Every structure is written in structure tokens, then in C-alpha cells.
């Protein structure tokens, strides 16, 4: 599947350092067998790692829906006041009164839609024979709330050789203190410019483990991976998932990229 690149900054704000490169052997002191959740699937052709771009599902929807009712009530009261007493307000007050409630409703609606439409898993597949990664990417845009073009699952494929794992750190008081994310950046090999950047994990320790597992698989194959303690998870199975996760859309790769990401270049499918 094609992806139109757009040049980004070489380093995004809050960048801290890069994890080992794709050709560097994983360090032996990392504990990989106890990683949870483990890979969704591993065979001789591809490995699929789970991923989530939202840590707590349902919070935005549970808080946002009552907030929308409250905002609609505020908006109705404000607009009714403008109809009755609009001639007593100055123009600035009228503009704020008209657009203020609408902006608040739009912002809250965007967060609610994100929480309700985000897939229950956003996996990344590593195909060692094609030397590509396939990202089950969910795109969204707060400004284009009603646009199908800017919302929805849009899987993308990148060359493994163009991937760099980056650690980003930001201190957020009230949100658990230090937040450490691992991002995968895609670089143009000719210009070294970043053409895309996707979230890998929202936890540094799991990000280091996943990145080591990915490098082991791509460098040496499934035989090099440890025997994982925890069983793999089928995210389309509702068993053990929270109610909000069960309401979330299931993972459904488009047929063409699903076949490509699970097969060797000879197009012989491996299940």
C-alpha cells in the first residue's frame, strides 16, 4: 500500500535518544520472555506485535458524553439569551457567545469519536523475508471531525532498513510525572529526512523489549526468540477484554496488505 511521504523534522520535540540500530545485536541482559503482552503471532515469515495508542479505553467517552449534554444545554441557554438580549451586547461578546460553545462541543466530540472508533489493537507486522514493516495505523484529525478521508484505519508499509527507534521524554505534572514513549521514525535513505513517525509503545521498558524482539526476529528469525511466558492474545476475541474494548472495532486488515504482510516475496502464503 502506498503512502505519500511528507518531510518532518529530523527530531521531534522532547526527543531524548535513539535505541540501538536495526543491525545492532540485542543486549543479553534484557528480559524478553516475560514481556506482556507477547507477540500476537510469529512464524518463519512475519511477526506481529500488539500496539495501542490510547492507554485507557472508555475514559474519554464516559466523561465526554455527559459533557456534551452539558455543553448543549449551555449553548442553548447562551443562544436564547442572545435572541432576547443580543442588542445589549457588544460585538466581541456576541462572537464569543456564538462560537465558544460550538468550539467546545467540537473538541469534546472529537475525543469521544476517537475513543469509540479506535481499533482494539493497532498491531505492527515485521516481515523478515520482504524486510518490511506493516503498521495498522489509525488516522484521525480533530479539525476534520466528520471527514472519512481523515479518519479511519489506513495501513502503511515501510522498509525495515529505513526505521529508527526513538525515545521521547516529557514531564507532565498530574499525568504520572515522566512520560516515556518510543516512536518509530521512517527516514529517506538518500536525504536522511524523516518522512513519517508512528508510536511504537507508550512505555520505555516494553518499548526496549519489543524493539529487541523485533531486531532478533528480523536478524535471526523466530528460532532466536525466547519462549514467552504469557500466551499470545487474539484481540478480536472478546474474552478477557474490558467492556469498552469489546465495543471497539475489531482488527481487519485490507485484503491486499494483509496478504502481502503475511507472505514471502514469492506470494506463497504462510499462515
C-alpha atoms as a PDB file:
ATOM      1  CA  UNK A   1       0.000   0.000   0.000  1.00  0.00           C
ATOM      2  CA  UNK A   2       1.428   3.324  -0.986  1.00  0.00           C
ATOM      3  CA  UNK A   3       1.959   6.152   1.449  1.00  0.00           C
ATOM      4  CA  UNK A   4       2.631   9.695   0.330  1.00  0.00           C
ATOM      5  CA  UNK A   5       5.537  10.986   2.428  1.00  0.00           C
ATOM      6  CA  UNK A   6       5.699  14.426   3.951  1.00  0.00           C
ATOM      7  CA  UNK A   7       9.027  15.633   5.282  1.00  0.00           C
ATOM      8  CA  UNK A   8       9.079  16.081   9.061  1.00  0.00           C
ATOM      9  CA  UNK A   9      11.676  17.491  11.391  1.00  0.00           C
ATOM     10  CA  UNK A  10      14.736  15.373  11.958  1.00  0.00           C
ATOM     11  CA  UNK A  11      13.991  15.238  15.680  1.00  0.00           C
ATOM     12  CA  UNK A  12      10.600  15.942  17.172  1.00  0.00           C
ATOM     13  CA  UNK A  13      10.300  17.958  20.417  1.00  0.00           C
ATOM     14  CA  UNK A  14      11.092  16.010  23.607  1.00  0.00           C
ATOM     15  CA  UNK A  15      13.445  13.617  21.765  1.00  0.00           C
ATOM     16  CA  UNK A  16      15.904  12.055  24.217  1.00  0.00           C
ATOM     17  CA  UNK A  17      17.953   9.399  22.393  1.00  0.00           C
ATOM     18  CA  UNK A  18      17.782   6.579  19.837  1.00  0.00           C
ATOM     19  CA  UNK A  19      17.502   2.906  20.678  1.00  0.00           C
ATOM     20  CA  UNK A  20      20.075   0.545  19.056  1.00  0.00           C
ATOM     21  CA  UNK A  21      20.021   0.476  15.257  1.00  0.00           C
ATOM     22  CA  UNK A  22      18.310  -2.290  13.281  1.00  0.00           C
ATOM     23  CA  UNK A  23      21.624  -4.068  12.599  1.00  0.00           C
ATOM     24  CA  UNK A  24      22.886  -3.967  16.174  1.00  0.00           C
ATOM     25  CA  UNK A  25      22.551  -7.209  18.132  1.00  0.00           C
ATOM     26  CA  UNK A  26      20.177  -7.020  21.131  1.00  0.00           C
ATOM     27  CA  UNK A  27      21.870  -6.882  24.515  1.00  0.00           C
ATOM     28  CA  UNK A  28      21.693 -10.086  26.515  1.00  0.00           C
ATOM     29  CA  UNK A  29      20.593  -8.551  29.832  1.00  0.00           C
ATOM     30  CA  UNK A  30      17.129  -7.605  28.593  1.00  0.00           C
ATOM     31  CA  UNK A  31      14.392  -9.873  29.979  1.00  0.00           C
ATOM     32  CA  UNK A  32      12.317 -10.691  26.907  1.00  0.00           C
ATOM     33  CA  UNK A  33      10.488 -13.893  27.777  1.00  0.00           C
ATOM     34  CA  UNK A  34       8.224 -12.212  30.368  1.00  0.00           C
ATOM     35  CA  UNK A  35       7.089  -9.352  28.131  1.00  0.00           C
ATOM     36  CA  UNK A  36       3.340  -8.844  28.375  1.00  0.00           C
ATOM     37  CA  UNK A  37       1.557  -8.832  26.050  1.00  0.00           C
ATOM     38  CA  UNK A  38       3.834 -11.026  23.903  1.00  0.00           C
ATOM     39  CA  UNK A  39       3.764 -11.057  20.087  1.00  0.00           C
ATOM     40  CA  UNK A  40       0.336 -11.797  18.626  1.00  0.00           C
ATOM     41  CA  UNK A  41       1.802 -14.206  16.088  1.00  0.00           C
ATOM     42  CA  UNK A  42       5.207 -15.497  14.991  1.00  0.00           C
ATOM     43  CA  UNK A  43       6.195 -17.785  12.121  1.00  0.00           C
ATOM     44  CA  UNK A  44       9.050 -18.066   9.658  1.00  0.00           C
ATOM     45  CA  UNK A  45       7.846 -15.133   7.556  1.00  0.00           C
ATOM     46  CA  UNK A  46       6.364 -12.496   9.831  1.00  0.00           C
ATOM     47  CA  UNK A  47       5.864 -11.475  13.428  1.00  0.00           C
ATOM     48  CA  UNK A  48       3.027  -9.291  14.709  1.00  0.00           C
ATOM     49  CA  UNK A  49       3.435  -7.117  17.810  1.00  0.00           C
ATOM     50  CA  UNK A  50       0.432  -5.575  19.600  1.00  0.00           C
ATOM     51  CA  UNK A  51       0.187  -1.828  19.956  1.00  0.00           C
ATOM     52  CA  UNK A  52      -2.144   0.726  21.497  1.00  0.00           C
ATOM     53  CA  UNK A  53      -2.018   4.488  21.040  1.00  0.00           C
ATOM     54  CA  UNK A  54      -4.532   5.120  23.865  1.00  0.00           C
ATOM     55  CA  UNK A  55      -3.687   3.813  27.321  1.00  0.00           C
ATOM     56  CA  UNK A  56      -7.146   3.890  28.956  1.00  0.00           C
ATOM     57  CA  UNK A  57     -10.091   2.992  26.739  1.00  0.00           C
ATOM     58  CA  UNK A  58     -13.529   4.364  27.560  1.00  0.00           C
ATOM     59  CA  UNK A  59     -12.458   7.252  29.791  1.00  0.00           C
ATOM     60  CA  UNK A  60     -12.879   9.895  27.094  1.00  0.00           C
ATOM     61  CA  UNK A  61     -16.261   8.527  26.044  1.00  0.00           C
ATOM     62  CA  UNK A  62     -17.610   8.115  29.587  1.00  0.00           C
ATOM     63  CA  UNK A  63     -16.589  11.636  30.512  1.00  0.00           C
ATOM     64  CA  UNK A  64     -17.234  13.185  27.125  1.00  0.00           C
ATOM     65  CA  UNK A  65     -20.843  12.096  26.521  1.00  0.00           C
ATOM     66  CA  UNK A  66     -22.211  13.730  29.723  1.00  0.00           C
ATOM     67  CA  UNK A  67     -20.039  16.741  28.951  1.00  0.00           C
ATOM     68  CA  UNK A  68     -21.656  17.031  25.513  1.00  0.00           C
ATOM     69  CA  UNK A  69     -25.144  17.109  27.049  1.00  0.00           C
ATOM     70  CA  UNK A  70     -23.950  19.798  29.456  1.00  0.00           C
ATOM     71  CA  UNK A  71     -22.402  21.836  26.638  1.00  0.00           C
ATOM     72  CA  UNK A  72     -25.527  21.569  24.501  1.00  0.00           C
ATOM     73  CA  UNK A  73     -27.525  22.914  27.456  1.00  0.00           C
ATOM     74  CA  UNK A  74     -25.091  25.777  27.933  1.00  0.00           C
ATOM     75  CA  UNK A  75     -25.190  26.550  24.209  1.00  0.00           C
ATOM     76  CA  UNK A  76     -28.993  26.586  24.140  1.00  0.00           C
ATOM     77  CA  UNK A  77     -29.105  28.952  27.098  1.00  0.00           C
ATOM     78  CA  UNK A  78     -26.476  31.263  25.618  1.00  0.00           C
ATOM     79  CA  UNK A  79     -28.167  31.424  22.223  1.00  0.00           C
ATOM     80  CA  UNK A  80     -31.546  32.040  23.831  1.00  0.00           C
ATOM     81  CA  UNK A  81     -30.025  34.925  25.773  1.00  0.00           C
ATOM     82  CA  UNK A  82     -28.588  36.355  22.553  1.00  0.00           C
ATOM     83  CA  UNK A  83     -32.007  36.270  20.923  1.00  0.00           C
ATOM     84  CA  UNK A  84     -33.632  38.080  23.837  1.00  0.00           C
ATOM     85  CA  UNK A  85     -30.866  40.490  24.785  1.00  0.00           C
ATOM     86  CA  UNK A  86     -28.460  40.441  21.846  1.00  0.00           C
ATOM     87  CA  UNK A  87     -28.831  44.163  21.241  1.00  0.00           C
ATOM     88  CA  UNK A  88     -27.318  44.912  24.665  1.00  0.00           C
ATOM     89  CA  UNK A  89     -24.050  43.038  23.985  1.00  0.00           C
ATOM     90  CA  UNK A  90     -21.014  44.384  22.190  1.00  0.00           C
ATOM     91  CA  UNK A  91     -19.824  42.557  19.050  1.00  0.00           C
ATOM     92  CA  UNK A  92     -16.932  40.830  20.765  1.00  0.00           C
ATOM     93  CA  UNK A  93     -19.228  39.329  23.379  1.00  0.00           C
ATOM     94  CA  UNK A  94     -21.633  38.188  20.651  1.00  0.00           C
ATOM     95  CA  UNK A  95     -18.842  36.457  18.673  1.00  0.00           C
ATOM     96  CA  UNK A  96     -17.526  34.693  21.783  1.00  0.00           C
ATOM     97  CA  UNK A  97     -21.030  33.648  22.788  1.00  0.00           C
ATOM     98  CA  UNK A  98     -21.769  32.213  19.343  1.00  0.00           C
ATOM     99  CA  UNK A  99     -18.520  30.364  18.629  1.00  0.00           C
ATOM    100  CA  UNK A 100     -17.365  29.472  22.159  1.00  0.00           C
ATOM    101  CA  UNK A 101     -19.930  26.712  22.812  1.00  0.00           C
ATOM    102  CA  UNK A 102     -19.540  25.369  19.265  1.00  0.00           C
ATOM    103  CA  UNK A 103     -15.760  25.059  19.637  1.00  0.00           C
ATOM    104  CA  UNK A 104     -16.124  23.266  22.981  1.00  0.00           C
ATOM    105  CA  UNK A 105     -18.695  20.856  21.537  1.00  0.00           C
ATOM    106  CA  UNK A 106     -16.460  20.163  18.518  1.00  0.00           C
ATOM    107  CA  UNK A 107     -13.383  19.439  20.663  1.00  0.00           C
ATOM    108  CA  UNK A 108     -15.211  17.115  23.065  1.00  0.00           C
ATOM    109  CA  UNK A 109     -16.934  15.339  20.154  1.00  0.00           C
ATOM    110  CA  UNK A 110     -13.546  14.669  18.536  1.00  0.00           C
ATOM    111  CA  UNK A 111     -12.217  12.996  21.707  1.00  0.00           C
ATOM    112  CA  UNK A 112     -15.393  10.929  22.080  1.00  0.00           C
ATOM    113  CA  UNK A 113     -15.230   9.785  18.454  1.00  0.00           C
ATOM    114  CA  UNK A 114     -11.564   8.840  18.864  1.00  0.00           C
ATOM    115  CA  UNK A 115     -12.337   6.730  21.928  1.00  0.00           C
ATOM    116  CA  UNK A 116     -15.259   4.955  20.239  1.00  0.00           C
ATOM    117  CA  UNK A 117     -13.710   4.323  16.813  1.00  0.00           C
ATOM    118  CA  UNK A 118     -10.100   3.487  17.683  1.00  0.00           C
ATOM    119  CA  UNK A 119      -9.439  -0.235  16.981  1.00  0.00           C
ATOM    120  CA  UNK A 120      -8.984  -2.602  19.923  1.00  0.00           C
ATOM    121  CA  UNK A 121      -5.439  -3.285  18.693  1.00  0.00           C
ATOM    122  CA  UNK A 122      -3.161  -1.400  16.286  1.00  0.00           C
ATOM    123  CA  UNK A 123      -0.569  -4.077  15.503  1.00  0.00           C
ATOM    124  CA  UNK A 124       2.694  -3.831  13.617  1.00  0.00           C
ATOM    125  CA  UNK A 125       3.840  -6.710  11.417  1.00  0.00           C
ATOM    126  CA  UNK A 126       7.515  -7.371  10.736  1.00  0.00           C
ATOM    127  CA  UNK A 127       8.072  -9.362   7.534  1.00  0.00           C
ATOM    128  CA  UNK A 128      11.684 -10.590   7.581  1.00  0.00           C
ATOM    129  CA  UNK A 129      11.650 -12.015   4.042  1.00  0.00           C
ATOM    130  CA  UNK A 130      10.383  -8.808   2.462  1.00  0.00           C
ATOM    131  CA  UNK A 131      12.351  -6.698   5.002  1.00  0.00           C
ATOM    132  CA  UNK A 132       9.320  -4.512   5.574  1.00  0.00           C
ATOM    133  CA  UNK A 133       7.105  -3.479   8.457  1.00  0.00           C
ATOM    134  CA  UNK A 134       3.346  -3.025   8.138  1.00  0.00           C
ATOM    135  CA  UNK A 135       1.596  -0.659  10.524  1.00  0.00           C
ATOM    136  CA  UNK A 136      -2.140  -0.946  11.242  1.00  0.00           C
ATOM    137  CA  UNK A 137      -2.346   2.812  11.507  1.00  0.00           C
ATOM    138  CA  UNK A 138      -5.456   4.646  12.664  1.00  0.00           C
ATOM    139  CA  UNK A 139      -5.513   8.190  11.323  1.00  0.00           C
ATOM    140  CA  UNK A 140      -7.579  10.974  12.829  1.00  0.00           C
ATOM    141  CA  UNK A 141      -7.777  14.741  12.604  1.00  0.00           C
ATOM    142  CA  UNK A 142      -9.511  16.907  15.196  1.00  0.00           C
ATOM    143  CA  UNK A 143     -10.360  19.660  12.710  1.00  0.00           C
ATOM    144  CA  UNK A 144     -11.980  17.314  10.167  1.00  0.00           C
ATOM    145  CA  UNK A 145     -14.335  15.650  12.612  1.00  0.00           C
ATOM    146  CA  UNK A 146     -16.842  14.411  10.013  1.00  0.00           C
ATOM    147  CA  UNK A 147     -14.346  13.505   7.289  1.00  0.00           C
ATOM    148  CA  UNK A 148     -13.968   9.859   6.262  1.00  0.00           C
ATOM    149  CA  UNK A 149     -10.753  10.770   4.476  1.00  0.00           C
ATOM    150  CA  UNK A 150      -9.054  11.938   7.672  1.00  0.00           C
ATOM    151  CA  UNK A 151     -10.493   9.275   9.998  1.00  0.00           C
ATOM    152  CA  UNK A 152     -10.126   5.517   9.914  1.00  0.00           C
ATOM    153  CA  UNK A 153      -7.654   2.659   9.572  1.00  0.00           C
ATOM    154  CA  UNK A 154      -5.096   3.348   6.858  1.00  0.00           C
ATOM    155  CA  UNK A 155      -2.349   0.671   6.989  1.00  0.00           C
ATOM    156  CA  UNK A 156       1.063   1.684   5.726  1.00  0.00           C
ATOM    157  CA  UNK A 157       4.217  -0.235   4.788  1.00  0.00           C
ATOM    158  CA  UNK A 158       7.825   0.857   5.274  1.00  0.00           C
ATOM    159  CA  UNK A 159      11.239  -0.620   4.507  1.00  0.00           C
ATOM    160  CA  UNK A 160      12.857  -2.113   7.590  1.00  0.00           C
ATOM    161  CA  UNK A 161      16.197  -0.563   6.654  1.00  0.00           C
ATOM    162  CA  UNK A 162      14.689   2.947   6.945  1.00  0.00           C
ATOM    163  CA  UNK A 163      13.420   2.541  10.521  1.00  0.00           C
ATOM    164  CA  UNK A 164      14.879   4.199  13.630  1.00  0.00           C
ATOM    165  CA  UNK A 165      13.502   3.715  17.151  1.00  0.00           C
ATOM    166  CA  UNK A 166      13.486   6.970  19.125  1.00  0.00           C
ATOM    167  CA  UNK A 167      12.834   7.625  22.813  1.00  0.00           C
ATOM    168  CA  UNK A 168      10.851  10.730  23.760  1.00  0.00           C
ATOM    169  CA  UNK A 169      10.577  12.013  27.307  1.00  0.00           C
ATOM    170  CA  UNK A 170       8.284  14.710  28.649  1.00  0.00           C
ATOM    171  CA  UNK A 171       7.425  15.646  32.204  1.00  0.00           C
ATOM    172  CA  UNK A 172       3.672  16.056  32.616  1.00  0.00           C
ATOM    173  CA  UNK A 173       2.585  17.053  36.146  1.00  0.00           C
ATOM    174  CA  UNK A 174      -0.711  15.426  37.041  1.00  0.00           C
ATOM    175  CA  UNK A 175      -0.275  12.641  34.469  1.00  0.00           C
ATOM    176  CA  UNK A 176       2.097  10.378  36.352  1.00  0.00           C
ATOM    177  CA  UNK A 177       5.164  12.586  36.090  1.00  0.00           C
ATOM    178  CA  UNK A 178       7.659  11.452  33.460  1.00  0.00           C
ATOM    179  CA  UNK A 179       6.126  10.106  30.221  1.00  0.00           C
ATOM    180  CA  UNK A 180       8.451   7.996  28.067  1.00  0.00           C
ATOM    181  CA  UNK A 181       7.301   6.988  24.586  1.00  0.00           C
ATOM    182  CA  UNK A 182       9.121   5.010  21.916  1.00  0.00           C
ATOM    183  CA  UNK A 183       8.464   6.179  18.363  1.00  0.00           C
ATOM    184  CA  UNK A 184       9.448   4.601  15.045  1.00  0.00           C
ATOM    185  CA  UNK A 185      10.696   7.162  12.564  1.00  0.00           C
ATOM    186  CA  UNK A 186      10.974   6.482   8.840  1.00  0.00           C
ATOM    187  CA  UNK A 187      13.886   8.121   7.076  1.00  0.00           C
ATOM    188  CA  UNK A 188      14.577   8.752   3.436  1.00  0.00           C
ATOM    189  CA  UNK A 189      17.864   6.862   2.861  1.00  0.00           C
ATOM    190  CA  UNK A 190      19.031   9.428   0.294  1.00  0.00           C
ATOM    191  CA  UNK A 191      18.383  12.623   2.265  1.00  0.00           C
ATOM    192  CA  UNK A 192      18.126  11.278   5.846  1.00  0.00           C
ATOM    193  CA  UNK A 193      14.923  13.282   6.250  1.00  0.00           C
ATOM    194  CA  UNK A 194      12.107  11.857   8.385  1.00  0.00           C
ATOM    195  CA  UNK A 195       9.065  11.131   6.224  1.00  0.00           C
ATOM    196  CA  UNK A 196       6.823   9.648   8.927  1.00  0.00           C
ATOM    197  CA  UNK A 197       6.764   8.853  12.622  1.00  0.00           C
ATOM    198  CA  UNK A 198       4.458   6.406  14.432  1.00  0.00           C
ATOM    199  CA  UNK A 199       4.008   5.454  18.069  1.00  0.00           C
ATOM    200  CA  UNK A 200       5.614   2.126  18.967  1.00  0.00           C
ATOM    201  CA  UNK A 201       4.915   1.918  22.716  1.00  0.00           C
ATOM    202  CA  UNK A 202       3.896   4.312  25.474  1.00  0.00           C
ATOM    203  CA  UNK A 203       6.246   2.591  27.925  1.00  0.00           C
ATOM    204  CA  UNK A 204      10.037   2.677  27.686  1.00  0.00           C
ATOM    205  CA  UNK A 205      10.707  -0.765  29.200  1.00  0.00           C
ATOM    206  CA  UNK A 206       8.208  -2.503  26.933  1.00  0.00           C
ATOM    207  CA  UNK A 207       9.493  -0.444  24.014  1.00  0.00           C
ATOM    208  CA  UNK A 208      13.059  -1.618  24.627  1.00  0.00           C
ATOM    209  CA  UNK A 209      11.879  -5.236  24.892  1.00  0.00           C
ATOM    210  CA  UNK A 210       9.695  -5.043  21.768  1.00  0.00           C
ATOM    211  CA  UNK A 211      12.474  -3.375  19.806  1.00  0.00           C
ATOM    212  CA  UNK A 212      14.945  -6.097  20.873  1.00  0.00           C
ATOM    213  CA  UNK A 213      12.412  -8.785  19.903  1.00  0.00           C
ATOM    214  CA  UNK A 214      11.844  -7.153  16.523  1.00  0.00           C
ATOM    215  CA  UNK A 215      15.584  -6.966  15.818  1.00  0.00           C
ATOM    216  CA  UNK A 216      16.117 -10.572  16.895  1.00  0.00           C
ATOM    217  CA  UNK A 217      13.356 -11.750  14.596  1.00  0.00           C
ATOM    218  CA  UNK A 218      14.459  -9.666  11.610  1.00  0.00           C
ATOM    219  CA  UNK A 219      18.141 -10.577  12.057  1.00  0.00           C
ATOM    220  CA  UNK A 220      17.985 -14.259  13.031  1.00  0.00           C
ATOM    221  CA  UNK A 221      14.415 -15.482  12.604  1.00  0.00           C
ATOM    222  CA  UNK A 222      11.849 -16.950  15.029  1.00  0.00           C
ATOM    223  CA  UNK A 223      14.336 -19.506  16.409  1.00  0.00           C
ATOM    224  CA  UNK A 224      16.189 -16.689  18.171  1.00  0.00           C
ATOM    225  CA  UNK A 225      13.126 -15.578  20.132  1.00  0.00           C
ATOM    226  CA  UNK A 226      12.619 -16.755  23.728  1.00  0.00           C
ATOM    227  CA  UNK A 227       9.775 -18.996  24.852  1.00  0.00           C
ATOM    228  CA  UNK A 228       7.367 -16.334  26.068  1.00  0.00           C
ATOM    229  CA  UNK A 229       5.800 -16.897  29.493  1.00  0.00           C
ATOM    230  CA  UNK A 230       2.471 -15.312  28.601  1.00  0.00           C
ATOM    231  CA  UNK A 231       0.306 -16.757  25.796  1.00  0.00           C
ATOM    232  CA  UNK A 232      -0.369 -14.700  22.662  1.00  0.00           C
ATOM    233  CA  UNK A 233      -3.550 -12.635  22.557  1.00  0.00           C
ATOM    234  CA  UNK A 234      -6.252 -12.721  19.884  1.00  0.00           C
ATOM    235  CA  UNK A 235      -7.543  -9.173  20.155  1.00  0.00           C
ATOM    236  CA  UNK A 236     -10.620  -9.964  18.082  1.00  0.00           C
ATOM    237  CA  UNK A 237     -11.714 -12.397  20.805  1.00  0.00           C
ATOM    238  CA  UNK A 238     -13.794 -10.592  23.453  1.00  0.00           C
ATOM    239  CA  UNK A 239     -12.731 -12.949  26.235  1.00  0.00           C
ATOM    240  CA  UNK A 240     -10.909 -11.059  28.979  1.00  0.00           C
ATOM    241  CA  UNK A 241     -11.322  -7.633  27.379  1.00  0.00           C
ATOM    242  CA  UNK A 242     -12.973  -4.692  29.102  1.00  0.00           C
ATOM    243  CA  UNK A 243     -16.453  -3.643  28.006  1.00  0.00           C
ATOM    244  CA  UNK A 244     -15.104  -0.622  26.150  1.00  0.00           C
ATOM    245  CA  UNK A 245     -12.538  -2.776  24.356  1.00  0.00           C
ATOM    246  CA  UNK A 246     -15.333  -5.140  23.304  1.00  0.00           C
ATOM    247  CA  UNK A 247     -17.215  -2.186  21.798  1.00  0.00           C
ATOM    248  CA  UNK A 248     -14.141  -1.079  19.852  1.00  0.00           C
ATOM    249  CA  UNK A 249     -13.814  -2.108  16.175  1.00  0.00           C
ATOM    250  CA  UNK A 250     -12.029  -5.393  15.564  1.00  0.00           C
ATOM    251  CA  UNK A 251      -8.772  -5.595  13.646  1.00  0.00           C
ATOM    252  CA  UNK A 252      -9.437  -6.156   9.960  1.00  0.00           C
ATOM    253  CA  UNK A 253      -6.506  -5.685   7.589  1.00  0.00           C
ATOM    254  CA  UNK A 254      -7.369  -4.809   3.980  1.00  0.00           C
ATOM    255  CA  UNK A 255      -7.047  -7.983   1.918  1.00  0.00           C
ATOM    256  CA  UNK A 256      -4.160  -6.835  -0.269  1.00  0.00           C
ATOM    257  CA  UNK A 257      -1.876  -5.606   2.505  1.00  0.00           C
ATOM    258  CA  UNK A 258      -2.923  -8.499   4.755  1.00  0.00           C
ATOM    259  CA  UNK A 259      -1.753 -10.999   2.125  1.00  0.00           C
ATOM    260  CA  UNK A 260       1.453  -9.094   1.401  1.00  0.00           C
ATOM    261  CA  UNK A 261       2.391  -8.664   5.066  1.00  0.00           C
ATOM    262  CA  UNK A 262       1.978 -12.407   5.809  1.00  0.00           C
ATOM    263  CA  UNK A 263       3.743 -13.861   2.780  1.00  0.00           C
ATOM    264  CA  UNK A 264       7.168 -14.144   1.223  1.00  0.00           C
ATOM    265  CA  UNK A 265       8.033 -12.221  -1.973  1.00  0.00           C
ATOM    266  CA  UNK A 266       7.102 -15.336  -3.973  1.00  0.00           C
ATOM    267  CA  UNK A 267       3.481 -14.678  -2.849  1.00  0.00           C
ATOM    268  CA  UNK A 268       3.252 -18.149  -1.303  1.00  0.00           C
ATOM    269  CA  UNK A 269       1.016 -17.548   1.683  1.00  0.00           C
ATOM    270  CA  UNK A 270       2.207 -18.762   5.070  1.00  0.00           C
ATOM    271  CA  UNK A 271      -0.388 -18.963   7.824  1.00  0.00           C
END
